[in-house]
């Protein structure tokens, strides 16, 4: 069972007033607010670099979104509180990678986000 199944993550195409909106339920966290494929690919590459033991080569470990501040560390992705003082969750690197890949792949699956039906 992968991280998407473990966190009961479901990807959904919502149609509101004839427009498709990509969303998710379950433990996807702040990732669902990231709609840029390039940003998601950059985050996946940084996670792979860290998993490969080369964390020190990452210039900026920030994997935040519009809603939450998060940073890659050698031990996982640390999600911070609203004051960016305390860590409220540490997501294992492999789990975060699977969530990023699942979300990216869903965003690339037609109908695309923002598509008019």
PDB file of N, CA and C in Angstrom:
ATOM      1  N   UNK A   1       0.858  -1.178   0.000  1.00  0.00           N
ATOM      2  CA  UNK A   1       0.000   0.000   0.000  1.00  0.00           C
ATOM      3  C   UNK A   1       0.903   1.240   0.000  1.00  0.00           C
ATOM      4  N   UNK A   2       0.615   2.202  -0.895  1.00  0.00           N
ATOM      5  CA  UNK A   2       1.448   3.392  -0.959  1.00  0.00           C
ATOM      6  C   UNK A   2       0.886   4.504  -0.064  1.00  0.00           C
ATOM      7  N   UNK A   3       1.588   5.623  -0.042  1.00  0.00           N
ATOM      8  CA  UNK A   3       1.196   6.737   0.826  1.00  0.00           C
ATOM      9  C   UNK A   3      -0.169   7.308   0.482  1.00  0.00           C
ATOM     10  N   UNK A   4      -0.520   7.320  -0.792  1.00  0.00           N
ATOM     11  CA  UNK A   4      -1.834   7.840  -1.180  1.00  0.00           C
ATOM     12  C   UNK A   4      -2.940   6.986  -0.586  1.00  0.00           C
ATOM     13  N   UNK A   5      -2.760   5.671  -0.617  1.00  0.00           N
ATOM     14  CA  UNK A   5      -3.747   4.767  -0.024  1.00  0.00           C
ATOM     15  C   UNK A   5      -3.753   4.884   1.499  1.00  0.00           C
ATOM     16  N   UNK A   6      -2.556   4.936   2.104  1.00  0.00           N
ATOM     17  CA  UNK A   6      -2.454   5.024   3.560  1.00  0.00           C
ATOM     18  C   UNK A   6      -3.125   6.270   4.115  1.00  0.00           C
ATOM     19  N   UNK A   7      -3.027   7.372   3.393  1.00  0.00           N
ATOM     20  CA  UNK A   7      -3.621   8.633   3.837  1.00  0.00           C
ATOM     21  C   UNK A   7      -5.029   8.832   3.283  1.00  0.00           C
ATOM     22  N   UNK A   8      -5.544   7.805   2.594  1.00  0.00           N
ATOM     23  CA  UNK A   8      -6.884   7.842   2.020  1.00  0.00           C
ATOM     24  C   UNK A   8      -7.070   9.071   1.112  1.00  0.00           C
ATOM     25  N   UNK A   9      -6.071   9.326   0.283  1.00  0.00           N
ATOM     26  CA  UNK A   9      -6.108  10.465  -0.623  1.00  0.00           C
ATOM     27  C   UNK A   9      -6.890  10.085  -1.873  1.00  0.00           C
ATOM     28  N   UNK A  10      -7.841  10.922  -2.195  1.00  0.00           N
ATOM     29  CA  UNK A  10      -8.660  10.749  -3.400  1.00  0.00           C
ATOM     30  C   UNK A  10      -8.580  12.033  -4.203  1.00  0.00           C
ATOM     31  N   UNK A  11      -8.310  11.909  -5.496  1.00  0.00           N
ATOM     32  CA  UNK A  11      -8.259  13.059  -6.388  1.00  0.00           C
ATOM     33  C   UNK A  11      -9.613  13.214  -7.062  1.00  0.00           C
ATOM     34  N   UNK A  12     -10.084  14.456  -7.139  1.00  0.00           N
ATOM     35  CA  UNK A  12     -11.443  14.717  -7.602  1.00  0.00           C
ATOM     36  C   UNK A  12     -11.443  15.862  -8.615  1.00  0.00           C
ATOM     37  N   UNK A  13     -12.216  15.671  -9.686  1.00  0.00           N
ATOM     38  CA  UNK A  13     -12.512  16.753 -10.616  1.00  0.00           C
ATOM     39  C   UNK A  13     -13.865  17.319 -10.225  1.00  0.00           C
ATOM     40  N   UNK A  14     -13.881  18.531  -9.681  1.00  0.00           N
ATOM     41  CA  UNK A  14     -15.135  19.197  -9.362  1.00  0.00           C
ATOM     42  C   UNK A  14     -15.492  20.097 -10.528  1.00  0.00           C
ATOM     43  N   UNK A  15     -16.747  20.076 -10.914  1.00  0.00           N
ATOM     44  CA  UNK A  15     -17.217  20.964 -11.979  1.00  0.00           C
ATOM     45  C   UNK A  15     -18.180  21.962 -11.351  1.00  0.00           C
ATOM     46  N   UNK A  16     -17.780  23.224 -11.424  1.00  0.00           N
ATOM     47  CA  UNK A  16     -18.593  24.302 -10.867  1.00  0.00           C
ATOM     48  C   UNK A  16     -18.816  25.327 -11.966  1.00  0.00           C
ATOM     49  N   UNK A  17     -20.069  25.577 -12.269  1.00  0.00           N
ATOM     50  CA  UNK A  17     -20.427  26.529 -13.335  1.00  0.00           C
ATOM     51  C   UNK A  17     -19.681  26.246 -14.629  1.00  0.00           C
ATOM     52  N   UNK A  18     -19.548  24.966 -14.962  1.00  0.00           N
ATOM     53  CA  UNK A  18     -18.942  24.574 -16.220  1.00  0.00           C
ATOM     54  C   UNK A  18     -17.429  24.599 -16.253  1.00  0.00           C
ATOM     55  N   UNK A  19     -16.776  24.802 -15.115  1.00  0.00           N
ATOM     56  CA  UNK A  19     -15.313  24.829 -15.052  1.00  0.00           C
ATOM     57  C   UNK A  19     -14.820  23.692 -14.163  1.00  0.00           C
ATOM     58  N   UNK A  20     -13.776  23.000 -14.631  1.00  0.00           N
ATOM     59  CA  UNK A  20     -13.184  21.894 -13.871  1.00  0.00           C
ATOM     60  C   UNK A  20     -12.189  22.462 -12.857  1.00  0.00           C
ATOM     61  N   UNK A  21     -12.321  22.001 -11.620  1.00  0.00           N
ATOM     62  CA  UNK A  21     -11.384  22.357 -10.553  1.00  0.00           C
ATOM     63  C   UNK A  21     -10.816  21.061  -9.990  1.00  0.00           C
ATOM     64  N   UNK A  22      -9.496  20.937 -10.030  1.00  0.00           N
ATOM     65  CA  UNK A  22      -8.827  19.759  -9.472  1.00  0.00           C
ATOM     66  C   UNK A  22      -8.672  19.964  -7.970  1.00  0.00           C
ATOM     67  N   UNK A  23      -9.052  18.945  -7.211  1.00  0.00           N
ATOM     68  CA  UNK A  23      -8.937  19.010  -5.765  1.00  0.00           C
ATOM     69  C   UNK A  23      -8.650  17.610  -5.223  1.00  0.00           C
ATOM     70  N   UNK A  24      -8.464  17.523  -3.926  1.00  0.00           N
ATOM     71  CA  UNK A  24      -8.175  16.226  -3.312  1.00  0.00           C
ATOM     72  C   UNK A  24      -8.766  16.181  -1.916  1.00  0.00           C
ATOM     73  N   UNK A  25      -9.049  14.975  -1.466  1.00  0.00           N
ATOM     74  CA  UNK A  25      -9.464  14.756  -0.090  1.00  0.00           C
ATOM     75  C   UNK A  25      -8.414  13.871   0.563  1.00  0.00           C
ATOM     76  N   UNK A  26      -8.420  13.858   1.873  1.00  0.00           N
ATOM     77  CA  UNK A  26      -7.458  13.032   2.590  1.00  0.00           C
ATOM     78  C   UNK A  26      -6.235  13.829   2.979  1.00  0.00           C
ATOM     79  N   UNK A  27      -5.151  13.134   3.242  1.00  0.00           N
ATOM     80  CA  UNK A  27      -3.955  13.750   3.803  1.00  0.00           C
ATOM     81  C   UNK A  27      -2.986  14.344   2.809  1.00  0.00           C
ATOM     82  N   UNK A  28      -3.465  15.128   1.864  1.00  0.00           N
ATOM     83  CA  UNK A  28      -2.557  15.722   0.882  1.00  0.00           C
ATOM     84  C   UNK A  28      -1.980  17.047   1.385  1.00  0.00           C
ATOM     85  N   UNK A  29      -2.616  17.631   2.389  1.00  0.00           N
ATOM     86  CA  UNK A  29      -2.084  18.846   2.987  1.00  0.00           C
ATOM     87  C   UNK A  29      -1.991  20.006   2.021  1.00  0.00           C
ATOM     88  N   UNK A  30      -0.956  20.800   2.217  1.00  0.00           N
ATOM     89  CA  UNK A  30      -0.795  22.038   1.453  1.00  0.00           C
ATOM     90  C   UNK A  30      -0.452  21.812  -0.014  1.00  0.00           C
ATOM     91  N   UNK A  31      -0.112  20.597  -0.374  1.00  0.00           N
ATOM     92  CA  UNK A  31       0.327  20.298  -1.737  1.00  0.00           C
ATOM     93  C   UNK A  31      -0.753  20.618  -2.768  1.00  0.00           C
ATOM     94  N   UNK A  32      -2.030  20.415  -2.426  1.00  0.00           N
ATOM     95  CA  UNK A  32      -3.088  20.610  -3.418  1.00  0.00           C
ATOM     96  C   UNK A  32      -3.247  22.058  -3.857  1.00  0.00           C
ATOM     97  N   UNK A  33      -2.667  23.000  -3.139  1.00  0.00           N
ATOM     98  CA  UNK A  33      -2.743  24.395  -3.592  1.00  0.00           C
ATOM     99  C   UNK A  33      -1.643  24.720  -4.605  1.00  0.00           C
ATOM    100  N   UNK A  34      -0.725  23.787  -4.828  1.00  0.00           N
ATOM    101  CA  UNK A  34       0.348  23.980  -5.803  1.00  0.00           C
ATOM    102  C   UNK A  34      -0.147  23.432  -7.142  1.00  0.00           C
ATOM    103  N   UNK A  35      -0.341  24.314  -8.103  1.00  0.00           N
ATOM    104  CA  UNK A  35      -0.882  23.911  -9.409  1.00  0.00           C
ATOM    105  C   UNK A  35       0.177  23.954 -10.506  1.00  0.00           C
ATOM    106  N   UNK A  36       1.369  24.451 -10.217  1.00  0.00           N
ATOM    107  CA  UNK A  36       2.429  24.546 -11.217  1.00  0.00           C
ATOM    108  C   UNK A  36       3.171  23.209 -11.343  1.00  0.00           C
ATOM    109  N   UNK A  37       3.137  22.634 -12.535  1.00  0.00           N
ATOM    110  CA  UNK A  37       3.836  21.367 -12.793  1.00  0.00           C
ATOM    111  C   UNK A  37       5.341  21.559 -12.600  1.00  0.00           C
ATOM    112  N   UNK A  38       5.875  22.694 -13.038  1.00  0.00           N
ATOM    113  CA  UNK A  38       7.311  22.960 -12.868  1.00  0.00           C
ATOM    114  C   UNK A  38       7.698  23.005 -11.400  1.00  0.00           C
ATOM    115  N   UNK A  39       6.872  23.644 -10.588  1.00  0.00           N
ATOM    116  CA  UNK A  39       7.149  23.702  -9.146  1.00  0.00           C
ATOM    117  C   UNK A  39       7.107  22.307  -8.543  1.00  0.00           C
ATOM    118  N   UNK A  40       6.094  21.529  -8.890  1.00  0.00           N
ATOM    119  CA  UNK A  40       5.999  20.164  -8.376  1.00  0.00           C
ATOM    120  C   UNK A  40       7.208  19.335  -8.802  1.00  0.00           C
ATOM    121  N   UNK A  41       7.632  19.468 -10.061  1.00  0.00           N
ATOM    122  CA  UNK A  41       8.825  18.741 -10.528  1.00  0.00           C
ATOM    123  C   UNK A  41      10.075  19.183  -9.778  1.00  0.00           C
ATOM    124  N   UNK A  42      10.194  20.486  -9.522  1.00  0.00           N
ATOM    125  CA  UNK A  42      11.344  20.981  -8.744  1.00  0.00           C
ATOM    126  C   UNK A  42      11.351  20.372  -7.351  1.00  0.00           C
ATOM    127  N   UNK A  43      10.173  20.326  -6.706  1.00  0.00           N
ATOM    128  CA  UNK A  43      10.076  19.749  -5.359  1.00  0.00           C
ATOM    129  C   UNK A  43      10.426  18.260  -5.382  1.00  0.00           C
ATOM    130  N   UNK A  44       9.942  17.538  -6.399  1.00  0.00           N
ATOM    131  CA  UNK A  44      10.247  16.108  -6.527  1.00  0.00           C
ATOM    132  C   UNK A  44      11.752  15.915  -6.691  1.00  0.00           C
ATOM    133  N   UNK A  45      12.379  16.741  -7.516  1.00  0.00           N
ATOM    134  CA  UNK A  45      13.835  16.643  -7.701  1.00  0.00           C
ATOM    135  C   UNK A  45      14.584  16.910  -6.403  1.00  0.00           C
ATOM    136  N   UNK A  46      14.121  17.889  -5.621  1.00  0.00           N
ATOM    137  CA  UNK A  46      14.781  18.177  -4.341  1.00  0.00           C
ATOM    138  C   UNK A  46      14.621  17.014  -3.370  1.00  0.00           C
ATOM    139  N   UNK A  47      13.452  16.393  -3.356  1.00  0.00           N
ATOM    140  CA  UNK A  47      13.233  15.223  -2.496  1.00  0.00           C
ATOM    141  C   UNK A  47      14.155  14.085  -2.932  1.00  0.00           C
ATOM    142  N   UNK A  48      14.232  13.834  -4.245  1.00  0.00           N
ATOM    143  CA  UNK A  48      15.129  12.781  -4.745  1.00  0.00           C
ATOM    144  C   UNK A  48      16.575  13.057  -4.357  1.00  0.00           C
ATOM    145  N   UNK A  49      17.001  14.296  -4.478  1.00  0.00           N
ATOM    146  CA  UNK A  49      18.365  14.679  -4.106  1.00  0.00           C
ATOM    147  C   UNK A  49      18.616  14.383  -2.629  1.00  0.00           C
ATOM    148  N   UNK A  50      17.634  14.720  -1.793  1.00  0.00           N
ATOM    149  CA  UNK A  50      17.766  14.477  -0.352  1.00  0.00           C
ATOM    150  C   UNK A  50      17.779  12.985  -0.046  1.00  0.00           C
ATOM    151  N   UNK A  51      16.887  12.223  -0.671  1.00  0.00           N
ATOM    152  CA  UNK A  51      16.857  10.769  -0.464  1.00  0.00           C
ATOM    153  C   UNK A  51      18.190  10.143  -0.881  1.00  0.00           C
ATOM    154  N   UNK A  52      18.791  10.683  -1.936  1.00  0.00           N
ATOM    155  CA  UNK A  52      20.085  10.178  -2.417  1.00  0.00           C
ATOM    156  C   UNK A  52      21.261  10.604  -1.546  1.00  0.00           C
ATOM    157  N   UNK A  53      20.989  11.353  -0.464  1.00  0.00           N
ATOM    158  CA  UNK A  53      22.038  11.733   0.478  1.00  0.00           C
ATOM    159  C   UNK A  53      22.774  13.015   0.121  1.00  0.00           C
ATOM    160  N   UNK A  54      22.211  13.811  -0.773  1.00  0.00           N
ATOM    161  CA  UNK A  54      22.875  15.043  -1.206  1.00  0.00           C
ATOM    162  C   UNK A  54      22.116  16.290  -0.780  1.00  0.00           C
ATOM    163  N   UNK A  55      21.525  16.271   0.406  1.00  0.00           N
ATOM    164  CA  UNK A  55      20.745  17.408   0.889  1.00  0.00           C
ATOM    165  C   UNK A  55      21.546  18.706   0.842  1.00  0.00           C
ATOM    166  N   UNK A  56      22.819  18.660   1.145  1.00  0.00           N
ATOM    167  CA  UNK A  56      23.636  19.880   1.199  1.00  0.00           C
ATOM    168  C   UNK A  56      23.743  20.580  -0.157  1.00  0.00           C
ATOM    169  N   UNK A  57      23.413  19.906  -1.240  1.00  0.00           N
ATOM    170  CA  UNK A  57      23.486  20.530  -2.565  1.00  0.00           C
ATOM    171  C   UNK A  57      22.217  21.316  -2.918  1.00  0.00           C
ATOM    172  N   UNK A  58      21.198  21.257  -2.059  1.00  0.00           N
ATOM    173  CA  UNK A  58      19.960  21.999  -2.311  1.00  0.00           C
ATOM    174  C   UNK A  58      20.155  23.432  -1.824  1.00  0.00           C
ATOM    175  N   UNK A  59      19.947  24.386  -2.741  1.00  0.00           N
ATOM    176  CA  UNK A  59      20.117  25.798  -2.401  1.00  0.00           C
ATOM    177  C   UNK A  59      19.015  26.321  -1.493  1.00  0.00           C
ATOM    178  N   UNK A  60      17.778  25.968  -1.790  1.00  0.00           N
ATOM    179  CA  UNK A  60      16.638  26.475  -1.035  1.00  0.00           C
ATOM    180  C   UNK A  60      15.667  25.328  -0.783  1.00  0.00           C
ATOM    181  N   UNK A  61      15.632  24.796   0.443  1.00  0.00           N
ATOM    182  CA  UNK A  61      14.784  23.635   0.739  1.00  0.00           C
ATOM    183  C   UNK A  61      13.315  23.972   1.002  1.00  0.00           C
ATOM    184  N   UNK A  62      12.891  25.161   0.627  1.00  0.00           N
ATOM    185  CA  UNK A  62      11.524  25.617   0.859  1.00  0.00           C
ATOM    186  C   UNK A  62      10.551  24.916  -0.091  1.00  0.00           C
ATOM    187  N   UNK A  63       9.583  24.201   0.451  1.00  0.00           N
ATOM    188  CA  UNK A  63       8.524  23.547  -0.331  1.00  0.00           C
ATOM    189  C   UNK A  63       7.153  24.018   0.158  1.00  0.00           C
ATOM    190  N   UNK A  64       7.073  25.303   0.403  1.00  0.00           N
ATOM    191  CA  UNK A  64       5.844  25.911   0.909  1.00  0.00           C
ATOM    192  C   UNK A  64       4.822  26.095  -0.200  1.00  0.00           C
ATOM    193  N   UNK A  65       3.602  26.386   0.225  1.00  0.00           N
ATOM    194  CA  UNK A  65       2.528  26.738  -0.699  1.00  0.00           C
ATOM    195  C   UNK A  65       1.935  28.056  -0.222  1.00  0.00           C
ATOM    196  N   UNK A  66       0.813  28.419  -0.793  1.00  0.00           N
ATOM    197  CA  UNK A  66       0.127  29.642  -0.357  1.00  0.00           C
ATOM    198  C   UNK A  66      -0.460  29.495   1.041  1.00  0.00           C
ATOM    199  N   UNK A  67      -0.596  28.253   1.519  1.00  0.00           N
ATOM    200  CA  UNK A  67      -1.296  28.010   2.768  1.00  0.00           C
ATOM    201  C   UNK A  67      -0.417  27.566   3.930  1.00  0.00           C
ATOM    202  N   UNK A  68       0.706  26.917   3.637  1.00  0.00           N
ATOM    203  CA  UNK A  68       1.563  26.421   4.708  1.00  0.00           C
ATOM    204  C   UNK A  68       3.021  26.588   4.327  1.00  0.00           C
ATOM    205  N   UNK A  69       3.830  26.776   5.354  1.00  0.00           N
ATOM    206  CA  UNK A  69       5.274  26.870   5.177  1.00  0.00           C
ATOM    207  C   UNK A  69       5.861  25.504   5.495  1.00  0.00           C
ATOM    208  N   UNK A  70       6.709  25.008   4.595  1.00  0.00           N
ATOM    209  CA  UNK A  70       7.322  23.691   4.786  1.00  0.00           C
ATOM    210  C   UNK A  70       8.725  23.700   4.200  1.00  0.00           C
ATOM    211  N   UNK A  71       9.612  22.922   4.827  1.00  0.00           N
ATOM    212  CA  UNK A  71      10.998  22.829   4.399  1.00  0.00           C
ATOM    213  C   UNK A  71      11.448  21.382   4.366  1.00  0.00           C
ATOM    214  N   UNK A  72      12.225  21.054   3.344  1.00  0.00           N
ATOM    215  CA  UNK A  72      12.865  19.740   3.292  1.00  0.00           C
ATOM    216  C   UNK A  72      14.035  19.753   4.260  1.00  0.00           C
ATOM    217  N   UNK A  73      14.176  18.665   5.015  1.00  0.00           N
ATOM    218  CA  UNK A  73      15.348  18.430   5.858  1.00  0.00           C
ATOM    219  C   UNK A  73      15.836  17.019   5.529  1.00  0.00           C
ATOM    220  N   UNK A  74      17.019  16.662   5.971  1.00  0.00           N
ATOM    221  CA  UNK A  74      17.479  15.292   5.726  1.00  0.00           C
ATOM    222  C   UNK A  74      16.575  14.225   6.346  1.00  0.00           C
ATOM    223  N   UNK A  75      15.759  14.620   7.331  1.00  0.00           N
ATOM    224  CA  UNK A  75      14.906  13.674   8.051  1.00  0.00           C
ATOM    225  C   UNK A  75      13.451  13.674   7.616  1.00  0.00           C
ATOM    226  N   UNK A  76      13.068  14.564   6.717  1.00  0.00           N
ATOM    227  CA  UNK A  76      11.684  14.642   6.275  1.00  0.00           C
ATOM    228  C   UNK A  76      11.309  16.067   5.924  1.00  0.00           C
ATOM    229  N   UNK A  77      10.057  16.262   5.591  1.00  0.00           N
ATOM    230  CA  UNK A  77       9.546  17.595   5.282  1.00  0.00           C
ATOM    231  C   UNK A  77       8.871  18.126   6.536  1.00  0.00           C
ATOM    232  N   UNK A  78       9.391  19.252   7.030  1.00  0.00           N
ATOM    233  CA  UNK A  78       8.854  19.872   8.237  1.00  0.00           C
ATOM    234  C   UNK A  78       7.823  20.919   7.861  1.00  0.00           C
ATOM    235  N   UNK A  79       6.596  20.716   8.322  1.00  0.00           N
ATOM    236  CA  UNK A  79       5.520  21.674   8.117  1.00  0.00           C
ATOM    237  C   UNK A  79       5.447  22.528   9.378  1.00  0.00           C
ATOM    238  N   UNK A  80       5.478  23.851   9.173  1.00  0.00           N
ATOM    239  CA  UNK A  80       5.557  24.781  10.295  1.00  0.00           C
ATOM    240  C   UNK A  80       4.185  25.316  10.688  1.00  0.00           C
ATOM    241  N   UNK A  81       4.096  25.858  11.917  1.00  0.00           N
ATOM    242  CA  UNK A  81       2.861  26.508  12.352  1.00  0.00           C
ATOM    243  C   UNK A  81       2.712  27.855  11.646  1.00  0.00           C
ATOM    244  N   UNK A  82       1.599  28.515  11.880  1.00  0.00           N
ATOM    245  CA  UNK A  82       1.315  29.765  11.168  1.00  0.00           C
ATOM    246  C   UNK A  82       2.308  30.881  11.489  1.00  0.00           C
ATOM    247  N   UNK A  83       3.007  30.790  12.612  1.00  0.00           N
ATOM    248  CA  UNK A  83       4.019  31.788  12.969  1.00  0.00           C
ATOM    249  C   UNK A  83       5.418  31.391  12.503  1.00  0.00           C
ATOM    250  N   UNK A  84       5.527  30.239  11.856  1.00  0.00           N
ATOM    251  CA  UNK A  84       6.790  29.681  11.364  1.00  0.00           C
ATOM    252  C   UNK A  84       7.819  29.596  12.502  1.00  0.00           C
ATOM    253  N   UNK A  85       7.321  29.109  13.640  1.00  0.00           N
ATOM    254  CA  UNK A  85       8.183  28.935  14.814  1.00  0.00           C
ATOM    255  C   UNK A  85       8.310  27.461  15.170  1.00  0.00           C
ATOM    256  N   UNK A  86       7.201  26.763  15.189  1.00  0.00           N
ATOM    257  CA  UNK A  86       7.175  25.366  15.616  1.00  0.00           C
ATOM    258  C   UNK A  86       6.850  24.434  14.462  1.00  0.00           C
ATOM    259  N   UNK A  87       7.465  23.265  14.489  1.00  0.00           N
ATOM    260  CA  UNK A  87       7.151  22.218  13.524  1.00  0.00           C
ATOM    261  C   UNK A  87       5.878  21.525  13.997  1.00  0.00           C
ATOM    262  N   UNK A  88       4.865  21.482  13.113  1.00  0.00           N
ATOM    263  CA  UNK A  88       3.612  20.833  13.504  1.00  0.00           C
ATOM    264  C   UNK A  88       3.496  19.423  12.945  1.00  0.00           C
ATOM    265  N   UNK A  89       4.315  19.124  11.932  1.00  0.00           N
ATOM    266  CA  UNK A  89       4.288  17.790  11.330  1.00  0.00           C
ATOM    267  C   UNK A  89       5.595  17.557  10.586  1.00  0.00           C
ATOM    268  N   UNK A  90       6.078  16.330  10.645  1.00  0.00           N
ATOM    269  CA  UNK A  90       7.216  15.922   9.814  1.00  0.00           C
ATOM    270  C   UNK A  90       6.722  14.787   8.917  1.00  0.00           C
ATOM    271  N   UNK A  91       6.775  15.040   7.599  1.00  0.00           N
ATOM    272  CA  UNK A  91       6.323  14.057   6.632  1.00  0.00           C
ATOM    273  C   UNK A  91       7.544  13.315   6.100  1.00  0.00           C
ATOM    274  N   UNK A  92       7.567  11.991   6.169  1.00  0.00           N
ATOM    275  CA  UNK A  92       8.711  11.243   5.631  1.00  0.00           C
ATOM    276  C   UNK A  92       8.952  11.595   4.163  1.00  0.00           C
ATOM    277  N   UNK A  93      10.204  11.624   3.750  1.00  0.00           N
ATOM    278  CA  UNK A  93      10.575  12.036   2.400  1.00  0.00           C
ATOM    279  C   UNK A  93       9.877  11.213   1.322  1.00  0.00           C
ATOM    280  N   UNK A  94       9.896   9.897   1.464  1.00  0.00           N
ATOM    281  CA  UNK A  94       9.279   9.034   0.449  1.00  0.00           C
ATOM    282  C   UNK A  94       7.778   9.280   0.361  1.00  0.00           C
ATOM    283  N   UNK A  95       7.136   9.478   1.490  1.00  0.00           N
ATOM    284  CA  UNK A  95       5.701   9.746   1.524  1.00  0.00           C
ATOM    285  C   UNK A  95       5.393  11.071   0.813  1.00  0.00           C
ATOM    286  N   UNK A  96       6.171  12.109   1.109  1.00  0.00           N
ATOM    287  CA  UNK A  96       5.960  13.408   0.476  1.00  0.00           C
ATOM    288  C   UNK A  96       6.174  13.305  -1.028  1.00  0.00           C
ATOM    289  N   UNK A  97       7.175  12.551  -1.431  1.00  0.00           N
ATOM    290  CA  UNK A  97       7.448  12.347  -2.858  1.00  0.00           C
ATOM    291  C   UNK A  97       6.253  11.683  -3.543  1.00  0.00           C
ATOM    292  N   UNK A  98       5.689  10.646  -2.938  1.00  0.00           N
ATOM    293  CA  UNK A  98       4.540   9.959  -3.527  1.00  0.00           C
ATOM    294  C   UNK A  98       3.337  10.891  -3.643  1.00  0.00           C
ATOM    295  N   UNK A  99       3.134  11.759  -2.656  1.00  0.00           N
ATOM    296  CA  UNK A  99       2.034  12.718  -2.703  1.00  0.00           C
ATOM    297  C   UNK A  99       2.263  13.714  -3.839  1.00  0.00           C
ATOM    298  N   UNK A 100       3.486  14.234  -3.949  1.00  0.00           N
ATOM    299  CA  UNK A 100       3.805  15.179  -5.024  1.00  0.00           C
ATOM    300  C   UNK A 100       3.588  14.551  -6.404  1.00  0.00           C
ATOM    301  N   UNK A 101       4.087  13.338  -6.587  1.00  0.00           N
ATOM    302  CA  UNK A 101       3.949  12.661  -7.884  1.00  0.00           C
ATOM    303  C   UNK A 101       2.481  12.394  -8.198  1.00  0.00           C
ATOM    304  N   UNK A 102       1.728  11.905  -7.220  1.00  0.00           N
ATOM    305  CA  UNK A 102       0.313  11.641  -7.435  1.00  0.00           C
ATOM    306  C   UNK A 102      -0.451  12.901  -7.825  1.00  0.00           C
ATOM    307  N   UNK A 103      -0.181  14.000  -7.137  1.00  0.00           N
ATOM    308  CA  UNK A 103      -0.862  15.262  -7.424  1.00  0.00           C
ATOM    309  C   UNK A 103      -0.455  15.787  -8.798  1.00  0.00           C
ATOM    310  N   UNK A 104       0.839  15.747  -9.092  1.00  0.00           N
ATOM    311  CA  UNK A 104       1.319  16.207 -10.402  1.00  0.00           C
ATOM    312  C   UNK A 104       0.670  15.400 -11.527  1.00  0.00           C
ATOM    313  N   UNK A 105       0.660  14.094 -11.381  1.00  0.00           N
ATOM    314  CA  UNK A 105       0.091  13.240 -12.421  1.00  0.00           C
ATOM    315  C   UNK A 105      -1.408  13.490 -12.592  1.00  0.00           C
ATOM    316  N   UNK A 106      -2.099  13.730 -11.489  1.00  0.00           N
ATOM    317  CA  UNK A 106      -3.524  14.042 -11.566  1.00  0.00           C
ATOM    318  C   UNK A 106      -3.752  15.370 -12.285  1.00  0.00           C
ATOM    319  N   UNK A 107      -2.931  16.373 -11.984  1.00  0.00           N
ATOM    320  CA  UNK A 107      -3.065  17.668 -12.658  1.00  0.00           C
ATOM    321  C   UNK A 107      -2.842  17.552 -14.165  1.00  0.00           C
ATOM    322  N   UNK A 108      -2.010  16.591 -14.572  1.00  0.00           N
ATOM    323  CA  UNK A 108      -1.713  16.402 -15.992  1.00  0.00           C
ATOM    324  C   UNK A 108      -2.748  15.539 -16.718  1.00  0.00           C
ATOM    325  N   UNK A 109      -3.706  14.982 -15.967  1.00  0.00           N
ATOM    326  CA  UNK A 109      -4.725  14.108 -16.540  1.00  0.00           C
ATOM    327  C   UNK A 109      -5.951  14.921 -16.949  1.00  0.00           C
ATOM    328  N   UNK A 110      -6.370  14.804 -18.218  1.00  0.00           N
ATOM    329  CA  UNK A 110      -7.573  15.530 -18.656  1.00  0.00           C
ATOM    330  C   UNK A 110      -8.806  15.060 -17.897  1.00  0.00           C
ATOM    331  N   UNK A 111      -9.779  15.925 -17.694  1.00  0.00           N
ATOM    332  CA  UNK A 111      -9.790  17.323 -18.084  1.00  0.00           C
ATOM    333  C   UNK A 111      -8.867  18.138 -17.170  1.00  0.00           C
ATOM    334  N   UNK A 112      -8.162  19.079 -17.751  1.00  0.00           N
ATOM    335  CA  UNK A 112      -7.206  19.884 -17.006  1.00  0.00           C
ATOM    336  C   UNK A 112      -7.905  20.895 -16.106  1.00  0.00           C
ATOM    337  N   UNK A 113      -7.203  21.296 -15.040  1.00  0.00           N
ATOM    338  CA  UNK A 113      -7.716  22.285 -14.111  1.00  0.00           C
ATOM    339  C   UNK A 113      -8.037  23.575 -14.876  1.00  0.00           C
ATOM    340  N   UNK A 114      -9.245  24.091 -14.682  1.00  0.00           N
ATOM    341  CA  UNK A 114      -9.652  25.319 -15.347  1.00  0.00           C
ATOM    342  C   UNK A 114     -10.337  25.097 -16.692  1.00  0.00           C
ATOM    343  N   UNK A 115     -10.411  23.843 -17.132  1.00  0.00           N
ATOM    344  CA  UNK A 115     -11.045  23.519 -18.409  1.00  0.00           C
ATOM    345  C   UNK A 115     -12.529  23.828 -18.347  1.00  0.00           C
ATOM    346  N   UNK A 116     -13.035  24.422 -19.408  1.00  0.00           N
ATOM    347  CA  UNK A 116     -14.469  24.718 -19.504  1.00  0.00           C
ATOM    348  C   UNK A 116     -15.175  23.553 -20.173  1.00  0.00           C
ATOM    349  N   UNK A 117     -16.216  23.046 -19.514  1.00  0.00           N
ATOM    350  CA  UNK A 117     -16.984  21.925 -20.083  1.00  0.00           C
ATOM    351  C   UNK A 117     -18.331  22.391 -20.561  1.00  0.00           C
TER     352      UNK A 117
END
